[in-house]
N, C-alpha and C. Protein backbone atom coordinates (compact mmCIF):
# COMPACT_ATOMS: atom_id res chain seq x y z
N UNK A 1 159.23 107.87 123.54
CA UNK A 1 158.10 108.24 123.04
C UNK A 1 157.97 106.67 122.65
N UNK A 2 156.35 106.44 122.89
CA UNK A 2 156.12 104.47 122.64
C UNK A 2 156.05 104.60 120.62
N UNK A 3 156.81 103.22 121.22
CA UNK A 3 156.61 102.83 119.52
C UNK A 3 155.04 102.85 119.05
N UNK A 4 154.97 103.38 117.87
CA UNK A 4 153.63 102.53 116.81
C UNK A 4 153.46 100.92 117.25
N UNK A 5 152.14 100.41 117.06
CA UNK A 5 151.89 99.12 117.31
C UNK A 5 151.95 98.87 116.30
N UNK A 6 152.85 97.39 116.26
CA UNK A 6 152.95 96.21 115.05
C UNK A 6 151.52 96.08 114.31
N UNK A 7 151.53 95.98 113.76
CA UNK A 7 150.32 95.34 113.15
C UNK A 7 150.62 93.86 112.27
N UNK A 8 149.50 93.15 112.77
CA UNK A 8 149.65 91.22 112.40
C UNK A 8 150.17 91.42 110.87
N UNK A 9 150.64 90.51 110.26
CA UNK A 9 150.67 90.00 108.69
C UNK A 9 149.52 90.23 107.92
N UNK A 10 148.07 89.60 108.70
CA UNK A 10 146.57 89.62 107.98
C UNK A 10 146.19 90.71 108.18
N UNK A 11 146.61 91.85 109.17
CA UNK A 11 145.90 93.11 108.93
C UNK A 11 146.85 93.78 107.87
N UNK A 12 147.72 93.77 107.48
CA UNK A 12 148.77 94.29 106.30
C UNK A 12 148.02 93.53 105.17
N UNK A 13 148.11 92.73 105.03
CA UNK A 13 147.52 91.93 103.83
C UNK A 13 145.81 92.64 103.54
N UNK A 14 145.14 92.96 104.33
CA UNK A 14 143.75 93.41 104.63
C UNK A 14 144.26 94.59 103.71
N UNK A 15 144.93 95.30 104.62
CA UNK A 15 145.06 96.73 104.18
C UNK A 15 145.48 96.85 102.67
N UNK A 16 146.44 95.88 102.22
CA UNK A 16 147.19 96.15 100.96
C UNK A 16 145.67 95.79 99.84
N UNK A 17 144.99 94.73 100.78
CA UNK A 17 143.53 94.12 99.45
C UNK A 17 142.98 95.45 99.27
N UNK A 18 142.34 96.01 100.54
CA UNK A 18 142.06 97.27 100.29
C UNK A 18 142.39 98.66 99.42
N UNK A 19 143.62 98.91 99.79
CA UNK A 19 144.47 99.56 99.11
C UNK A 19 144.39 99.57 97.33
N UNK A 20 144.60 97.73 96.57
CA UNK A 20 144.29 97.51 95.73
C UNK A 20 143.02 97.77 94.97
N UNK A 21 141.78 97.76 95.77
CA UNK A 21 140.74 97.47 95.00
C UNK A 21 140.28 99.03 94.92
N UNK A 22 140.75 99.77 95.68
CA UNK A 22 140.73 101.19 95.66
C UNK A 22 141.35 101.74 94.52
N UNK A 23 142.46 101.35 94.13
CA UNK A 23 143.35 101.63 93.32
C UNK A 23 142.80 101.18 91.80
N UNK A 24 141.98 100.12 91.98
CA UNK A 24 141.46 99.48 90.74
C UNK A 24 140.25 100.06 90.29
N UNK A 25 139.31 100.43 91.21
CA UNK A 25 138.24 101.02 90.93
C UNK A 25 138.41 102.81 90.16
N UNK A 26 139.60 103.37 91.07
CA UNK A 26 139.94 104.82 90.70
C UNK A 26 140.41 104.47 89.18
N UNK A 27 141.36 103.60 89.06
CA UNK A 27 141.70 103.41 87.64
C UNK A 27 140.62 102.47 86.73
N UNK A 28 140.25 101.81 86.68
CA UNK A 28 139.13 101.18 85.92
C UNK A 28 137.77 101.80 86.16
N UNK A 29 137.46 102.02 87.68
CA UNK A 29 135.81 102.34 87.90
C UNK A 29 134.73 103.68 87.01
N UNK A 30 136.10 104.78 87.37
CA UNK A 30 135.38 105.69 86.66
C UNK A 30 135.77 106.02 84.97
N UNK A 31 136.51 104.79 84.57
CA UNK A 31 135.99 105.44 83.09
C UNK A 31 135.33 104.42 82.97
N UNK A 32 135.21 103.43 83.46
CA UNK A 32 134.58 102.10 83.17
C UNK A 32 132.59 103.17 83.15
N UNK A 33 132.62 104.05 84.19
CA UNK A 33 131.58 104.13 84.55
C UNK A 33 131.27 105.31 83.33
N UNK A 34 132.17 106.37 83.11
CA UNK A 34 131.87 107.06 82.06
C UNK A 34 131.80 106.18 80.58
N UNK A 35 131.97 104.88 80.16
CA UNK A 35 132.00 104.33 79.28
C UNK A 35 130.40 104.40 78.66
N UNK A 36 129.55 103.71 80.11
CA UNK A 36 128.55 103.93 80.09
C UNK A 36 127.43 105.46 79.77
N UNK A 37 128.27 106.20 81.23
CA UNK A 37 127.15 107.59 81.28
C UNK A 37 127.73 108.84 80.22
N UNK A 38 128.79 108.54 79.87
CA UNK A 38 129.70 109.33 78.59
C UNK A 38 129.88 110.52 79.61
N UNK A 39 130.78 110.45 81.09
CA UNK A 39 130.89 111.62 81.56
C UNK A 39 132.01 112.88 81.85
N UNK A 40 132.58 111.78 80.45
CA UNK A 40 134.07 112.71 80.29
C UNK A 40 134.58 113.61 79.62
N UNK A 41 133.56 113.93 78.69
CA UNK A 41 132.91 114.92 77.60
C UNK A 41 134.27 116.17 78.18
N UNK A 42 134.94 116.85 76.74
CA UNK A 42 136.02 117.62 77.53
C UNK A 42 135.87 118.82 76.43
N UNK A 43 134.90 118.88 75.96
CA UNK A 43 134.90 120.19 74.60
C UNK A 43 134.57 119.74 73.28
N UNK A 44 134.90 119.70 72.60
CA UNK A 44 134.87 119.42 71.36
C UNK A 44 135.90 119.94 70.08
N UNK A 45 136.68 118.60 69.50
CA UNK A 45 138.18 118.81 69.28
C UNK A 45 138.10 119.08 67.54
N UNK A 46 139.22 120.07 67.26
CA UNK A 46 139.18 120.54 66.29
C UNK A 46 140.88 120.15 65.13
N UNK A 47 141.29 119.29 65.67
CA UNK A 47 142.55 118.64 65.45
C UNK A 47 142.66 117.04 65.89
N UNK A 48 142.99 116.94 64.37
CA UNK A 48 143.25 115.47 64.10
C UNK A 48 144.69 114.83 65.37
N UNK A 49 143.80 114.10 66.22
CA UNK A 49 145.03 113.25 67.39
C UNK A 49 144.82 112.21 67.25
N UNK A 50 145.70 111.28 67.45
CA UNK A 50 146.60 110.30 67.49
C UNK A 50 147.43 109.93 69.07
N UNK A 51 146.32 109.10 69.68
CA UNK A 51 146.99 109.32 71.51
C UNK A 51 146.58 108.36 72.40
N UNK A 52 147.17 107.75 72.80
CA UNK A 52 146.26 106.18 73.62
C UNK A 52 145.90 105.40 72.93
N UNK A 53 146.55 104.65 72.12
CA UNK A 53 145.80 103.84 70.83
C UNK A 53 145.44 102.95 71.40
N UNK A 54 146.17 102.02 72.76
CA UNK A 54 145.74 100.95 72.93
C UNK A 54 144.67 100.28 74.49
N UNK A 55 144.97 102.14 74.80
CA UNK A 55 143.58 102.00 76.24
C UNK A 55 142.42 102.65 75.64
N UNK A 56 141.13 101.96 75.51
CA UNK A 56 139.68 101.96 75.31
C UNK A 56 139.40 103.50 75.81
N UNK A 57 139.91 103.26 77.51
CA UNK A 57 139.19 104.40 78.09
C UNK A 57 139.83 105.47 78.12
N UNK A 58 141.45 106.06 77.48
CA UNK A 58 141.98 107.14 77.28
C UNK A 58 141.99 107.51 75.42
N UNK A 59 141.69 106.67 74.68
CA UNK A 59 141.80 106.97 73.08
C UNK A 59 141.50 107.92 72.75
N UNK A 60 142.15 108.53 71.85
CA UNK A 60 142.37 109.88 71.08
C UNK A 60 142.19 109.39 69.53
N UNK A 61 141.65 109.50 68.85
CA UNK A 61 141.71 109.92 67.72
C UNK A 61 141.12 110.32 66.50
N UNK A 62 141.90 111.43 66.06
CA UNK A 62 141.17 112.34 64.19
C UNK A 62 140.21 112.64 65.47
N UNK A 63 139.24 113.50 64.92
CA UNK A 63 138.39 114.27 65.97
C UNK A 63 137.22 113.35 66.38
N UNK A 64 137.14 112.50 66.68
CA UNK A 64 135.85 111.71 66.78
C UNK A 64 135.89 110.18 67.18
N UNK A 65 136.66 109.74 68.05
CA UNK A 65 137.02 108.69 68.36
C UNK A 65 137.55 108.39 69.62
N UNK A 66 136.51 108.23 70.79
CA UNK A 66 137.23 108.25 71.87
C UNK A 66 136.18 108.14 72.74
N UNK A 67 136.22 107.78 74.04
CA UNK A 67 134.62 107.99 74.85
C UNK A 67 134.62 109.48 75.05
N UNK A 68 133.63 110.08 75.50
CA UNK A 68 133.65 111.53 75.68
C UNK A 68 134.09 112.11 74.82
N UNK A 69 134.51 112.07 73.46
CA UNK A 69 135.38 112.88 72.69
C UNK A 69 134.91 113.49 71.40
N UNK A 70 135.03 113.97 71.13
CA UNK A 70 134.26 114.34 69.85
C UNK A 70 134.53 115.47 69.27
N UNK A 71 134.11 115.92 68.06
CA UNK A 71 134.65 117.14 66.78
C UNK A 71 133.76 118.25 66.79
N UNK A 72 134.32 119.31 66.48
CA UNK A 72 133.01 120.09 67.10
C UNK A 72 132.38 120.50 65.84
N UNK A 73 131.43 120.88 65.98
CA UNK A 73 129.80 120.79 64.93
C UNK A 73 130.40 121.35 63.53
N UNK A 74 130.09 120.84 61.79
CA UNK A 74 131.33 121.28 61.05
C UNK A 74 132.03 119.97 60.91
N UNK A 75 132.99 119.98 61.51
CA UNK A 75 134.10 119.89 61.36
C UNK A 75 134.23 118.10 60.92
N UNK A 76 135.15 118.47 59.59
CA UNK A 76 135.38 116.95 59.23
C UNK A 76 136.24 115.92 59.18
N UNK A 77 135.54 114.86 59.12
CA UNK A 77 136.98 113.44 59.83
C UNK A 77 137.84 113.47 59.27
N UNK A 78 138.85 113.29 59.89
CA UNK A 78 139.90 113.12 59.06
C UNK A 78 140.72 111.58 58.72
N UNK A 79 139.82 111.06 58.74
CA UNK A 79 139.99 109.75 57.99
C UNK A 79 139.21 108.93 58.07
N UNK A 80 138.93 107.34 57.33
CA UNK A 80 137.45 107.09 57.00
C UNK A 80 137.11 106.10 58.50
N UNK A 81 138.15 106.39 59.43
CA UNK A 81 138.12 105.67 61.09
C UNK A 81 137.65 106.26 61.81
N UNK A 82 137.80 107.51 61.10
CA UNK A 82 137.42 108.96 62.05
C UNK A 82 135.70 109.06 61.54
N UNK A 83 135.86 108.71 60.56
CA UNK A 83 134.76 109.06 59.67
C UNK A 83 133.07 107.78 60.61
N UNK A 84 134.15 106.70 60.32
CA UNK A 84 133.09 105.58 61.38
C UNK A 84 132.83 106.06 62.70
N UNK A 85 133.66 106.69 63.76
CA UNK A 85 132.70 107.83 64.88
C UNK A 85 132.21 108.60 64.16
N UNK A 86 132.58 109.39 63.49
CA UNK A 86 131.40 110.42 63.68
C UNK A 86 130.05 110.20 63.08
N UNK A 87 130.07 108.92 62.66
CA UNK A 87 128.48 108.26 61.95
C UNK A 87 128.07 108.09 63.60
N UNK A 88 129.21 107.01 64.40
CA UNK A 88 128.57 106.86 65.83
C UNK A 88 127.94 107.77 66.58
N UNK A 89 128.98 108.96 66.29
CA UNK A 89 128.58 110.08 67.67
C UNK A 89 127.25 110.51 66.84
N UNK A 90 126.81 110.84 65.42
CA UNK A 90 125.72 111.28 64.79
C UNK A 90 124.56 110.22 66.06
N UNK A 91 124.78 108.80 65.37
CA UNK A 91 123.47 108.25 65.94
C UNK A 91 123.36 107.68 67.35
N UNK A 92 124.13 107.64 68.44
CA UNK A 92 124.40 108.26 69.54
C UNK A 92 123.29 109.57 69.99
N UNK A 93 123.27 110.52 69.05
CA UNK A 93 122.93 111.69 69.09
C UNK A 93 123.51 112.15 70.34
N UNK A 94 122.35 112.98 71.54
CA UNK A 94 122.96 114.05 72.48
C UNK A 94 122.29 113.32 73.50
N UNK A 95 121.34 112.02 73.49
CA UNK A 95 121.04 111.46 75.04
C UNK A 95 121.83 110.38 75.12
N UNK A 96 122.08 110.85 75.90
CA UNK A 96 123.49 109.73 77.28
C UNK A 96 123.01 108.65 77.18
N UNK A 97 121.69 108.20 77.43
CA UNK A 97 121.42 106.48 77.77
C UNK A 97 121.21 106.04 76.61
N UNK A 98 121.94 106.85 74.95
CA UNK A 98 121.86 105.92 73.80
C UNK A 98 122.66 105.02 73.96
N UNK A 99 124.49 105.37 75.07
CA UNK A 99 125.12 105.57 74.62
C UNK A 99 125.79 103.63 74.66
N UNK A 100 124.55 102.56 74.86
CA UNK A 100 124.36 101.36 75.24
C UNK A 100 124.04 101.16 74.28
N UNK A 101 123.32 101.74 72.80
CA UNK A 101 122.49 101.49 71.94
C UNK A 101 123.27 100.24 70.69
N UNK A 102 122.80 99.31 70.89
CA UNK A 102 123.45 97.83 70.13
C UNK A 102 123.64 98.43 68.84
N UNK A 103 122.64 98.61 68.05
CA UNK A 103 122.45 99.00 66.52
C UNK A 103 123.59 100.47 66.64
N UNK A 104 123.67 101.15 67.20
CA UNK A 104 124.64 101.96 67.09
C UNK A 104 125.93 101.81 67.14
N UNK A 105 126.35 100.88 68.10
CA UNK A 105 127.84 100.65 68.68
C UNK A 105 127.70 99.34 67.37
N UNK A 106 127.01 98.20 67.19
CA UNK A 106 127.46 97.79 66.19
C UNK A 106 127.80 97.87 64.74
N UNK A 107 127.20 99.07 64.51
CA UNK A 107 127.15 99.99 63.13
C UNK A 107 128.63 100.08 63.00
N UNK A 108 128.96 101.12 64.10
CA UNK A 108 130.82 101.14 64.31
C UNK A 108 131.49 100.20 64.32
N UNK A 109 131.37 98.98 65.13
CA UNK A 109 132.01 98.25 64.98
C UNK A 109 132.31 97.69 63.49
N UNK A 110 131.19 97.20 62.82
CA UNK A 110 131.58 97.01 61.33
C UNK A 110 131.92 97.97 60.49
N UNK A 111 131.69 99.11 60.61
CA UNK A 111 132.52 100.37 59.65
C UNK A 111 133.87 100.34 60.09
N UNK A 112 134.80 100.18 61.35
CA UNK A 112 135.69 99.77 61.59
C UNK A 112 136.62 98.46 60.70
N UNK A 113 135.65 97.67 60.90
CA UNK A 113 136.41 96.85 59.78
C UNK A 113 136.37 96.26 58.85
N UNK A 114 135.03 97.24 58.10
CA UNK A 114 135.64 97.68 56.75
C UNK A 114 136.33 98.77 56.14
N UNK A 115 136.42 99.30 57.27
CA UNK A 115 138.24 100.57 56.68
C UNK A 115 139.12 99.57 56.73
N UNK A 116 139.36 98.77 58.16
CA UNK A 116 140.05 97.87 58.08
C UNK A 116 140.75 97.06 56.69
N UNK A 117 139.81 96.09 55.86
CA UNK A 117 139.81 95.53 55.07
C UNK A 117 139.59 96.35 53.79
N UNK A 118 139.67 97.39 53.73
CA UNK A 118 139.76 98.10 52.49
C UNK A 118 141.26 98.57 52.45
N UNK A 119 142.21 98.38 53.25
CA UNK A 119 143.12 98.88 53.37
C UNK A 119 143.48 100.30 52.99
N UNK A 120 142.74 101.58 53.24
CA UNK A 120 142.28 103.18 53.00
C UNK A 120 143.58 103.63 54.11
N UNK A 121 143.82 104.98 53.38
CA UNK A 121 145.29 104.99 54.33
C UNK A 121 144.86 105.82 55.28
N UNK A 122 145.00 105.87 56.78
CA UNK A 122 145.05 106.85 57.68
C UNK A 122 144.96 108.50 57.52
N UNK A 123 145.29 109.41 58.16
CA UNK A 123 145.32 110.57 58.76
C UNK A 123 147.03 110.47 58.29
N UNK A 124 147.78 112.00 58.12
CA UNK A 124 149.10 112.13 57.96
C UNK A 124 148.77 112.29 59.72
N UNK A 125 150.18 111.74 59.96
CA UNK A 125 150.58 112.00 61.25
C UNK A 125 149.76 111.11 62.76
N UNK A 126 148.78 110.31 61.78
CA UNK A 126 148.46 109.11 62.81
C UNK A 126 149.79 108.22 63.41
N UNK A 127 149.70 107.94 64.38
CA UNK A 127 150.42 106.59 65.09
C UNK A 127 149.89 105.53 65.65
N UNK A 128 148.36 105.75 65.31
CA UNK A 128 147.80 104.66 65.98
C UNK A 128 147.60 103.75 64.62
N UNK A 129 148.03 102.59 64.81
CA UNK A 129 147.75 101.38 63.40
C UNK A 129 146.46 101.38 63.65
N UNK A 130 145.96 101.09 62.22
CA UNK A 130 144.23 100.55 62.20
C UNK A 130 143.67 99.80 62.61
N UNK A 131 145.34 98.36 62.62
CA UNK A 131 144.40 97.35 63.27
C UNK A 131 144.60 97.69 64.97
N UNK A 132 145.37 98.40 65.33
CA UNK A 132 144.98 98.59 66.92
C UNK A 132 144.05 99.26 67.49
N UNK A 133 143.27 100.16 65.84
CA UNK A 133 142.02 100.81 66.75
C UNK A 133 140.60 99.82 66.24
N UNK A 134 141.09 98.66 65.81
CA UNK A 134 140.11 98.12 65.04
C UNK A 134 139.82 96.92 66.56
N UNK A 135 140.68 97.01 67.25
CA UNK A 135 140.90 95.76 68.21
C UNK A 135 140.20 96.72 69.58
N UNK A 136 140.68 98.18 69.62
CA UNK A 136 140.13 98.90 71.00
C UNK A 136 138.88 99.43 70.62
N UNK A 137 138.51 99.64 69.55
CA UNK A 137 137.23 100.06 69.46
C UNK A 137 135.35 99.29 69.20
N UNK A 138 136.54 97.66 68.72
CA UNK A 138 135.14 96.54 69.09
C UNK A 138 135.86 96.31 70.49
N UNK A 139 136.59 96.57 71.16
CA UNK A 139 136.77 95.67 72.30
C UNK A 139 135.60 97.09 73.50
N UNK A 140 135.18 98.32 72.89
CA UNK A 140 134.83 99.27 73.76
C UNK A 140 133.45 98.94 73.32
N UNK A 141 133.03 98.84 71.78
CA UNK A 141 131.83 99.07 72.27
C UNK A 141 130.95 97.55 72.71
N UNK A 142 132.37 96.56 72.66
CA UNK A 142 131.61 95.24 73.40
C UNK A 142 131.20 95.91 74.78
N UNK A 143 131.99 96.26 75.69
CA UNK A 143 132.07 96.34 77.19
C UNK A 143 131.02 97.26 77.24
N UNK A 144 130.58 98.20 76.14
CA UNK A 144 129.71 99.64 75.97
C UNK A 144 128.40 98.63 75.91
N UNK A 145 128.15 97.56 75.87
CA UNK A 145 126.82 96.37 75.43
C UNK A 145 126.79 96.33 76.07
N UNK A 146 127.74 95.39 77.06
CA UNK A 146 127.93 94.36 78.21
C UNK A 146 126.47 94.39 79.19
N UNK A 147 126.25 95.58 79.53
CA UNK A 147 125.34 95.99 80.55
C UNK A 147 123.63 95.33 79.73
N UNK A 148 123.54 96.00 78.54
CA UNK A 148 122.70 95.30 77.82
C UNK A 148 121.91 94.53 77.84
N UNK A 149 123.16 93.39 77.91
CA UNK A 149 122.87 91.82 77.29
C UNK A 149 122.75 91.34 78.74
N UNK A 150 123.17 91.92 79.85
CA UNK A 150 123.46 91.06 81.14
C UNK A 150 121.25 91.15 81.66
N UNK A 151 120.10 91.82 80.99
CA UNK A 151 119.29 91.93 81.83
C UNK A 151 118.43 91.28 80.33
N UNK A 152 117.16 91.46 80.70
CA UNK A 152 116.59 91.10 79.71
C UNK A 152 115.80 92.43 78.81
N UNK A 153 115.66 91.69 77.48
CA UNK A 153 115.47 92.64 76.58
C UNK A 153 114.30 93.81 76.84
N UNK A 154 113.64 93.40 77.45
CA UNK A 154 112.27 94.40 78.21
C UNK A 154 112.40 95.18 79.21
N UNK A 155 113.88 95.13 80.14
CA UNK A 155 114.32 95.24 81.35
C UNK A 155 114.84 97.28 81.07
N UNK A 156 114.49 97.85 81.65
CA UNK A 156 114.55 99.11 81.91
C UNK A 156 115.45 99.68 83.46
N UNK A 157 117.46 98.99 82.78
CA UNK A 157 118.11 99.88 83.91
C UNK A 157 118.61 100.98 83.79
N UNK A 158 118.94 101.48 84.98
CA UNK A 158 118.92 102.75 84.71
C UNK A 158 120.93 102.80 84.81
N UNK A 159 121.44 104.04 84.35
CA UNK A 159 122.48 104.11 84.02
C UNK A 159 123.52 103.53 85.14
N UNK A 160 123.12 103.38 86.12
CA UNK A 160 123.96 102.93 87.48
C UNK A 160 124.07 101.49 87.16
N UNK A 161 122.69 101.13 87.25
CA UNK A 161 122.85 99.19 87.07
C UNK A 161 123.69 98.95 85.88
N UNK A 162 123.76 99.70 85.07
CA UNK A 162 124.48 99.63 83.63
C UNK A 162 125.64 99.57 84.29
N UNK A 163 126.57 100.58 85.06
CA UNK A 163 127.85 101.15 85.14
C UNK A 163 127.91 99.62 86.19
N UNK A 164 126.71 99.24 87.10
CA UNK A 164 127.49 98.31 88.24
C UNK A 164 127.78 96.76 87.18
N UNK A 165 126.84 96.73 86.19
CA UNK A 165 127.03 95.41 85.49
C UNK A 165 128.32 95.48 84.65
N UNK A 166 128.37 96.45 84.16
CA UNK A 166 129.83 96.78 83.51
C UNK A 166 131.05 96.58 84.31
N UNK A 167 131.20 97.12 85.60
CA UNK A 167 132.73 97.10 86.11
C UNK A 167 132.70 95.33 86.60
N UNK A 168 131.24 95.05 87.23
CA UNK A 168 131.24 93.57 87.20
C UNK A 168 131.75 92.81 86.38
N UNK A 169 131.32 93.25 85.03
CA UNK A 169 131.65 92.34 84.05
C UNK A 169 133.05 92.50 83.37
N UNK A 170 133.68 93.41 83.88
CA UNK A 170 134.64 94.36 82.83
C UNK A 170 136.29 93.12 82.58
N UNK A 171 136.18 92.57 84.06
CA UNK A 171 137.33 91.25 84.15
C UNK A 171 137.12 90.32 82.95
N UNK A 172 135.77 89.94 83.23
CA UNK A 172 135.19 88.96 81.62
C UNK A 172 135.91 89.26 80.52
N UNK A 173 135.49 90.37 80.21
CA UNK A 173 135.79 90.88 78.43
C UNK A 173 137.00 91.50 78.83
N UNK A 174 138.01 91.52 79.47
CA UNK A 174 139.47 91.74 79.23
C UNK A 174 140.25 90.39 79.15
N UNK A 175 139.34 89.13 80.28
CA UNK A 175 140.06 88.31 79.51
C UNK A 175 139.70 87.28 78.05
N UNK A 176 138.44 87.58 77.69
CA UNK A 176 137.95 87.27 76.16
C UNK A 176 138.38 87.93 75.40
N UNK A 177 138.96 89.15 75.56
CA UNK A 177 139.43 89.66 74.41
C UNK A 177 141.35 89.78 74.46
N UNK A 178 141.57 89.14 75.37
CA UNK A 178 143.03 88.82 75.04
C UNK A 178 143.56 90.22 75.59
N UNK A 179 144.00 91.01 76.53
CA UNK A 179 144.11 91.97 76.95
C UNK A 179 144.86 91.84 77.93
């Protein structure tokens, strides 16, 4: 039986690089894309959750905080931070294109900052600190509006164009936010 041909080191390096790019796209590309076009909705929540505190793409806090994560109609927010996210959900509305709305995103950032400054308590059982949540939410809102600032204010970019701007600029945000 013939032995498999040996690959050169440069060929192996290229394969490793391709594998790394594919893994990065799988890890960050799909969640980054969902951040813009909100495709990760998994139904509504009736429970106060506190998971993935430092991951802007997987965050689940209260009933309303997290990408594609929302409470069921009529559900009360779990605490002040969750109330900020509920207000953001209402501001964005059902228009998925509106997820990059700078006004809604800035309102959420300011609301979370006010909660942090007020020293109000979080819901019982919360294991995400208010500081962690503030950092993750502000970073998420900065990422969500990145594409908006990439074009001129009058440009009408598609979700795909926003997603590409986000994916291309994500490393800059990560470095700027000291992740």
